[in-house]
C-alpha atoms as a PDB file:
ATOM      1  CA  MET A   1     -23.796 -26.149   3.960  1.00  0.00           C
ATOM      2  CA  VAL A   2     -27.195 -24.644   4.128  1.00  0.00           C
ATOM      3  CA  CYS A   3     -28.369 -27.334   6.548  1.00  0.00           C
ATOM      4  CA  ALA A   4     -25.510 -26.645   8.847  1.00  0.00           C
ATOM      5  CA  ALA A   5     -26.171 -22.879   8.535  1.00  0.00           C
ATOM      6  CA  LEU A   6     -29.686 -23.366   9.497  1.00  0.00           C
ATOM      7  CA  GLY A   7     -28.729 -25.685  12.423  1.00  0.00           C
ATOM      8  CA  VAL A   8     -30.692 -28.543  11.169  1.00  0.00           C
ATOM      9  CA  GLU A   9     -30.332 -31.809  13.035  1.00  0.00           C
ATOM     10  CA  LYS A  10     -29.445 -35.039  10.906  1.00  0.00           C
ATOM     11  CA  GLN A  11     -32.406 -37.290  10.221  1.00  0.00           C
ATOM     12  CA  SER A  12     -34.896 -34.658  11.603  1.00  0.00           C
ATOM     13  CA  GLU A  13     -38.180 -33.689  10.022  1.00  0.00           C
ATOM     14  CA  GLU A  14     -36.571 -30.298   9.373  1.00  0.00           C
ATOM     15  CA  GLU A  15     -33.682 -31.934   7.463  1.00  0.00           C
ATOM     16  CA  LYS A  16     -36.172 -33.863   5.381  1.00  0.00           C
ATOM     17  CA  ALA A  17     -37.984 -30.704   4.565  1.00  0.00           C
ATOM     18  CA  VAL A  18     -34.855 -28.680   3.622  1.00  0.00           C
ATOM     19  CA  ILE A  19     -33.645 -31.673   1.379  1.00  0.00           C
ATOM     20  CA  ARG A  20     -37.100 -31.827  -0.329  1.00  0.00           C
ATOM     21  CA  GLU A  21     -36.848 -27.931  -0.955  1.00  0.00           C
ATOM     22  CA  PHE A  22     -33.435 -28.344  -2.563  1.00  0.00           C
ATOM     23  CA  GLY A  23     -35.005 -30.952  -4.875  1.00  0.00           C
ATOM     24  CA  SER A  24     -36.867 -28.080  -6.454  1.00  0.00           C
ATOM     25  CA  ILE A  25     -33.826 -25.683  -6.670  1.00  0.00           C
ATOM     26  CA  LEU A  26     -31.592 -25.545  -9.683  1.00  0.00           C
ATOM     27  CA  MET A  27     -27.953 -24.789  -8.827  1.00  0.00           C
ATOM     28  CA  SER A  28     -25.433 -23.288 -11.125  1.00  0.00           C
ATOM     29  CA  SER A  29     -21.780 -22.352 -10.610  1.00  0.00           C
ATOM     30  CA  PHE A  30     -19.270 -20.493 -12.591  1.00  0.00           C
ATOM     31  CA  SER A  31     -15.638 -19.417 -12.285  1.00  0.00           C
ATOM     32  CA  PRO A  32     -12.814 -18.426 -14.833  1.00  0.00           C
ATOM     33  CA  CYS A  33     -11.684 -21.327 -17.080  1.00  0.00           C
ATOM     34  CA  LYS A  34      -8.415 -19.796 -18.341  1.00  0.00           C
ATOM     35  CA  PRO A  35      -5.384 -21.167 -16.360  1.00  0.00           C
ATOM     36  CA  GLU A  36      -3.992 -17.671 -15.715  1.00  0.00           C
ATOM     37  CA  GLU A  37      -7.360 -16.701 -14.174  1.00  0.00           C
ATOM     38  CA  LEU A  38      -7.825 -19.714 -11.932  1.00  0.00           C
ATOM     39  CA  HIS A  39      -5.650 -18.721  -9.130  1.00  0.00           C
ATOM     40  CA  GLY A  40      -5.584 -20.922  -5.990  1.00  0.00           C
ATOM     41  CA  CYS A  41      -4.113 -24.354  -5.492  1.00  0.00           C
ATOM     42  CA  VAL A  42      -5.297 -27.893  -4.652  1.00  0.00           C
ATOM     43  CA  LEU A  43      -5.089 -29.359  -1.181  1.00  0.00           C
ATOM     44  CA  ARG A  44      -4.794 -33.190  -1.378  1.00  0.00           C
ATOM     45  CA  ASP A  45      -6.174 -34.926   1.812  1.00  0.00           C
ATOM     46  CA  PHE A  46      -5.648 -38.624   2.668  1.00  0.00           C
ATOM     47  CA  HIS A  47      -8.437 -40.549   4.398  1.00  0.00           C
ATOM     48  CA  THR A  48      -8.754 -44.104   5.673  1.00  0.00           C
ATOM     49  CA  VAL A  49     -12.007 -45.811   5.089  1.00  0.00           C
ATOM     50  CA  GLN A  50     -13.183 -48.809   7.158  1.00  0.00           C
ATOM     51  CA  ASP A  51     -16.146 -51.065   6.822  1.00  0.00           C
ATOM     52  CA  THR A  52     -16.538 -50.633   3.066  1.00  0.00           C
ATOM     53  CA  ARG A  53     -17.454 -53.213   0.399  1.00  0.00           C
ATOM     54  CA  ALA A  54     -16.312 -53.843  -3.152  1.00  0.00           C
ATOM     55  CA  ALA A  55     -18.722 -52.516  -5.714  1.00  0.00           C
ATOM     56  CA  GLU A  56     -18.344 -55.611  -7.937  1.00  0.00           C
ATOM     57  CA  ASN A  57     -19.321 -58.297  -5.485  1.00  0.00           C
ATOM     58  CA  GLY A  58     -20.137 -56.720  -2.127  1.00  0.00           C
ATOM     59  CA  GLU A  59     -17.127 -58.439  -0.488  1.00  0.00           C
ATOM     60  CA  LYS A  60     -15.901 -56.660   2.780  1.00  0.00           C
ATOM     61  CA  LEU A  61     -12.740 -54.861   2.314  1.00  0.00           C
ATOM     62  CA  GLU A  62      -9.821 -54.160   4.655  1.00  0.00           C
ATOM     63  CA  THR A  63      -9.224 -50.446   5.592  1.00  0.00           C
ATOM     64  CA  ILE A  64      -8.439 -48.610   2.407  1.00  0.00           C
ATOM     65  CA  LEU A  65      -6.674 -45.301   1.726  1.00  0.00           C
ATOM     66  CA  THR A  66      -8.443 -42.652  -0.336  1.00  0.00           C
ATOM     67  CA  GLU A  67      -7.556 -39.134  -1.537  1.00  0.00           C
ATOM     68  CA  ARG A  68      -9.767 -36.092  -1.690  1.00  0.00           C
ATOM     69  CA  GLU A  69      -8.871 -32.806  -3.377  1.00  0.00           C
ATOM     70  CA  TYR A  70     -10.072 -29.338  -2.335  1.00  0.00           C
ATOM     71  CA  TRP A  71      -9.562 -26.090  -4.200  1.00  0.00           C
ATOM     72  CA  LEU A  72      -8.023 -23.406  -1.989  1.00  0.00           C
ATOM     73  CA  ASP A  73      -8.001 -19.486  -2.795  1.00  0.00           C
ATOM     74  CA  ARG A  74     -10.255 -20.000  -5.696  1.00  0.00           C
ATOM     75  CA  LYS A  75     -13.415 -17.790  -6.447  1.00  0.00           C
ATOM     76  CA  PHE A  76     -16.727 -19.265  -7.554  1.00  0.00           C
ATOM     77  CA  ILE A  77     -20.206 -17.948  -7.929  1.00  0.00           C
ATOM     78  CA  VAL A  78     -23.011 -20.253  -6.973  1.00  0.00           C
ATOM     79  CA  LEU A  79     -26.515 -19.446  -8.094  1.00  0.00           C
ATOM     80  CA  LEU A  80     -29.611 -20.942  -6.605  1.00  0.00           C
ATOM     81  CA  GLU A  81     -32.761 -20.603  -8.684  1.00  0.00           C
ATOM     82  CA  SER A  82     -36.191 -21.324  -7.188  1.00  0.00           C
ATOM     83  CA  ALA A  83     -39.737 -20.211  -7.322  1.00  0.00           C
ATOM     84  CA  ASN A  84     -39.823 -20.283  -3.402  1.00  0.00           C
ATOM     85  CA  LYS A  85     -38.247 -16.896  -2.680  1.00  0.00           C
ATOM     86  CA  THR A  86     -39.089 -17.334   1.032  1.00  0.00           C
ATOM     87  CA  PHE A  87     -36.760 -20.318   1.312  1.00  0.00           C
ATOM     88  CA  LEU A  88     -34.031 -18.690  -0.572  1.00  0.00           C
ATOM     89  CA  GLU A  89     -34.224 -15.762   1.778  1.00  0.00           C
ATOM     90  CA  GLN A  90     -34.162 -17.967   4.855  1.00  0.00           C
ATOM     91  CA  ALA A  91     -31.096 -19.729   3.375  1.00  0.00           C
ATOM     92  CA  ALA A  92     -29.375 -16.436   2.724  1.00  0.00           C
ATOM     93  CA  GLU A  93     -29.997 -15.283   6.271  1.00  0.00           C
ATOM     94  CA  ALA A  94     -28.602 -18.561   7.632  1.00  0.00           C
ATOM     95  CA  LEU A  95     -25.520 -18.313   5.482  1.00  0.00           C
ATOM     96  CA  ARG A  96     -24.992 -14.695   6.800  1.00  0.00           C
ATOM     97  CA  ASN A  97     -25.487 -15.732  10.337  1.00  0.00           C
ATOM     98  CA  PRO A  98     -24.865 -19.524  10.620  1.00  0.00           C
ATOM     99  CA  LYS A  99     -25.965 -21.538  13.609  1.00  0.00           C
ATOM    100  CA  TRP A 100     -23.218 -24.093  13.073  1.00  0.00           C
ATOM    101  CA  GLY A 101     -19.881 -23.829  11.411  1.00  0.00           C
ATOM    102  CA  ILE A 102     -19.697 -23.917   7.587  1.00  0.00           C
ATOM    103  CA  TRP A 103     -16.793 -24.911   5.396  1.00  0.00           C
ATOM    104  CA  PHE A 104     -15.950 -26.334   2.007  1.00  0.00           C
ATOM    105  CA  GLY A 105     -15.631 -30.069   2.392  1.00  0.00           C
ATOM    106  CA  ARG A 106     -13.336 -30.100   5.456  1.00  0.00           C
ATOM    107  CA  LYS A 107     -13.017 -27.901   8.468  1.00  0.00           C
ATOM    108  CA  CYS A 108      -9.875 -26.227   7.448  1.00  0.00           C
ATOM    109  CA  CYS A 109     -11.473 -24.929   4.217  1.00  0.00           C
ATOM    110  CA  ILE A 110     -13.472 -22.050   5.691  1.00  0.00           C
ATOM    111  CA  PRO A 111     -14.802 -19.217   3.541  1.00  0.00           C
ATOM    112  CA  ALA A 112     -12.264 -16.290   3.072  1.00  0.00           C
ATOM    113  CA  GLU A 113     -15.018 -13.787   2.815  1.00  0.00           C
ATOM    114  CA  PRO A 114     -18.864 -13.615   3.333  1.00  0.00           C
ATOM    115  CA  LEU A 115     -20.608 -16.203   1.264  1.00  0.00           C
ATOM    116  CA  ILE A 116     -23.613 -13.911   0.556  1.00  0.00           C
ATOM    117  CA  GLN A 117     -22.408 -11.280  -1.974  1.00  0.00           C
ATOM    118  CA  GLU A 118     -25.702 -10.253  -3.495  1.00  0.00           C
ATOM    119  CA  ASP A 119     -29.397 -11.012  -2.882  1.00  0.00           C
ATOM    120  CA  ILE A 120     -31.803 -11.887  -5.648  1.00  0.00           C
ATOM    121  CA  VAL A 121     -29.839 -10.660  -8.774  1.00  0.00           C
ATOM    122  CA  SER A 122     -29.653 -11.658 -12.321  1.00  0.00           C
ATOM    123  CA  ALA A 123     -26.866 -14.077 -13.442  1.00  0.00           C
ATOM    124  CA  ALA A 124     -25.346 -11.151 -15.466  1.00  0.00           C
ATOM    125  CA  GLU A 125     -25.199  -8.812 -12.407  1.00  0.00           C
ATOM    126  CA  ALA A 126     -23.591 -11.463 -10.266  1.00  0.00           C
ATOM    127  CA  ARG A 127     -21.065 -12.295 -12.917  1.00  0.00           C
ATOM    128  CA  ASP A 128     -20.162  -8.522 -13.519  1.00  0.00           C
ATOM    129  CA  ARG A 129     -19.743  -7.823  -9.917  1.00  0.00           C
ATOM    130  CA  ILE A 130     -17.642 -10.889  -8.924  1.00  0.00           C
ATOM    131  CA  PHE A 131     -15.529 -11.213 -12.128  1.00  0.00           C
ATOM    132  CA  PRO A 132     -15.420  -7.635 -13.501  1.00  0.00           C
ATOM    133  CA  ASP A 133     -12.103  -8.226 -15.366  1.00  0.00           C
ATOM    134  CA  VAL A 134     -12.836 -11.674 -16.839  1.00  0.00           C
ATOM    135  CA  ASP A 135     -14.072 -12.091 -20.498  1.00  0.00           C
ATOM    136  CA  HIS A 136     -17.722 -13.362 -19.963  1.00  0.00           C
ATOM    137  CA  ASP A 137     -17.286 -16.029 -22.677  1.00  0.00           C
ATOM    138  CA  LYS A 138     -14.311 -17.491 -20.790  1.00  0.00           C
ATOM    139  CA  LEU A 139     -16.292 -18.529 -17.595  1.00  0.00           C
ATOM    140  CA  GLU A 140     -16.598 -22.194 -16.843  1.00  0.00           C
ATOM    141  CA  ILE A 141     -20.311 -22.894 -15.979  1.00  0.00           C
ATOM    142  CA  TYR A 142     -21.992 -25.877 -14.646  1.00  0.00           C
ATOM    143  CA  SER A 143     -25.821 -25.531 -14.565  1.00  0.00           C
ATOM    144  CA  GLU A 144     -28.279 -27.961 -13.049  1.00  0.00           C
ATOM    145  CA  VAL A 145     -31.188 -28.692 -15.411  1.00  0.00           C
ATOM    146  CA  GLU A 146     -34.665 -30.016 -14.713  1.00  0.00           C
ATOM    147  CA  LYS A 147     -34.525 -32.965 -17.131  1.00  0.00           C
ATOM    148  CA  PHE A 148     -31.637 -35.253 -18.369  1.00  0.00           C
ATOM    149  CA  ASP A 149     -30.802 -35.067 -21.951  1.00  0.00           C
ATOM    150  CA  SER A 150     -27.859 -35.815 -24.215  1.00  0.00           C
ATOM    151  CA  SER A 151     -26.248 -32.491 -23.290  1.00  0.00           C
ATOM    152  CA  ALA A 152     -26.204 -33.251 -19.542  1.00  0.00           C
ATOM    153  CA  GLU A 153     -24.287 -35.549 -17.171  1.00  0.00           C
ATOM    154  CA  LEU A 154     -25.745 -37.318 -14.297  1.00  0.00           C
ATOM    155  CA  TRP A 155     -24.005 -36.420 -11.036  1.00  0.00           C
ATOM    156  CA  ASN A 156     -24.584 -38.657  -7.882  1.00  0.00           C
ATOM    157  CA  ASP A 157     -24.482 -35.832  -5.275  1.00  0.00           C
ATOM    158  CA  ALA A 158     -28.063 -34.771  -4.591  1.00  0.00           C
ATOM    159  CA  PRO A 159     -28.545 -35.411  -0.854  1.00  0.00           C
ATOM    160  CA  VAL A 160     -31.362 -37.676   0.248  1.00  0.00           C
ATOM    161  CA  SER A 161     -30.041 -38.073   3.817  1.00  0.00           C
ATOM    162  CA  PHE A 162     -27.007 -36.626   5.624  1.00  0.00           C
ATOM    163  CA  GLY A 163     -26.635 -39.727   7.782  1.00  0.00           C
ATOM    164  CA  ARG A 164     -27.366 -40.655  11.382  1.00  0.00           C
ATOM    165  CA  ALA A 165     -27.778 -38.043  13.991  1.00  0.00           C
ATOM    166  CA  ASP A 166     -25.237 -39.788  16.339  1.00  0.00           C
ATOM    167  CA  SER A 167     -22.366 -39.966  13.625  1.00  0.00           C
ATOM    168  CA  SER A 168     -20.186 -37.671  11.891  1.00  0.00           C
ATOM    169  CA  GLY A 169     -19.157 -40.492   9.411  1.00  0.00           C
ATOM    170  CA  ARG A 170     -20.779 -41.874   6.347  1.00  0.00           C
ATOM    171  CA  GLU A 171     -23.243 -44.203   8.092  1.00  0.00           C
ATOM    172  CA  GLU A 172     -26.588 -43.925   6.241  1.00  0.00           C
ATOM    173  CA  ARG A 173     -25.681 -41.050   4.065  1.00  0.00           C
ATOM    174  CA  CYS A 174     -27.522 -41.233   0.785  1.00  0.00           C
ATOM    175  CA  TYR A 175     -27.316 -39.376  -2.445  1.00  0.00           C
ATOM    176  CA  GLY A 176     -29.506 -39.322  -5.529  1.00  0.00           C
ATOM    177  CA  GLN A 177     -28.841 -38.113  -9.028  1.00  0.00           C
ATOM    178  CA  ARG A 178     -29.151 -34.694 -10.676  1.00  0.00           C
ATOM    179  CA  ALA A 179     -28.687 -33.576 -14.195  1.00  0.00           C
ATOM    180  CA  VAL A 180     -25.959 -31.012 -14.810  1.00  0.00           C
ATOM    181  CA  ARG A 181     -24.871 -29.361 -18.133  1.00  0.00           C
ATOM    182  CA  HIS A 182     -21.498 -27.791 -18.658  1.00  0.00           C
ATOM    183  CA  VAL A 183     -22.359 -24.611 -20.518  1.00  0.00           C
ATOM    184  CA  THR A 184     -20.827 -21.185 -21.544  1.00  0.00           C
ATOM    185  CA  PRO A 185     -21.718 -18.380 -21.543  1.00  0.00           C
ATOM    186  CA  ILE A 186     -24.391 -18.309 -18.774  1.00  0.00           C
ATOM    187  CA  ALA A 187     -28.103 -17.839 -19.778  1.00  0.00           C
ATOM    188  CA  GLU A 188     -29.584 -14.460 -19.319  1.00  0.00           C
ATOM    189  CA  GLY A 189     -33.086 -13.346 -18.427  1.00  0.00           C
ATOM    190  CA  ARG A 190     -33.587 -15.467 -15.263  1.00  0.00           C
ATOM    191  CA  ASP A 191     -33.511 -14.498 -11.565  1.00  0.00           C
ATOM    192  CA  PHE A 192     -31.127 -15.977  -9.223  1.00  0.00           C
ATOM    193  CA  PHE A 193     -29.952 -15.915  -5.651  1.00  0.00           C
ATOM    194  CA  ALA A 194     -26.151 -15.481  -5.771  1.00  0.00           C
ATOM    195  CA  PHE A 195     -23.595 -16.308  -3.067  1.00  0.00           C
END
């Protein structure tokens, strides 16, 4: 989303620089975890995938049908933590005034309100402003950590490349791993960029 907002071309040196920068950023998200506070609904989308191979043996498969799900009308806070305040400010400005369209997973899932709610703030300030009526101990929090340990999961969603410049498909998209911990309540005493 930040690459699109910045207007970064696929496979460009600028894309590589932004992806490298995100390698040093820790991302956290939080939202209410009680069912009555979740709100929203799930959109199920069906896709066909061609030219794919079986994981077990690499055998080429026929066209297959896949499902993807997207949350609609749900509120999240995303916090980006970095020592590079200049990059965070550039990302914030791009998200306020994007060069290209931004959306959540598919083009019909556009933000319902401005993404940038607060500039450099503490996690507690962001939480209090976005979820003033939610018990702070009842927020679902996923927090990226610098090192993998037994309390974290490995997620295979850290971008390495967003694919070929001449394609909007999956060709040459590549993702690495990041360590994510499911925690509650959120840690205090650190500065974040909240959107």
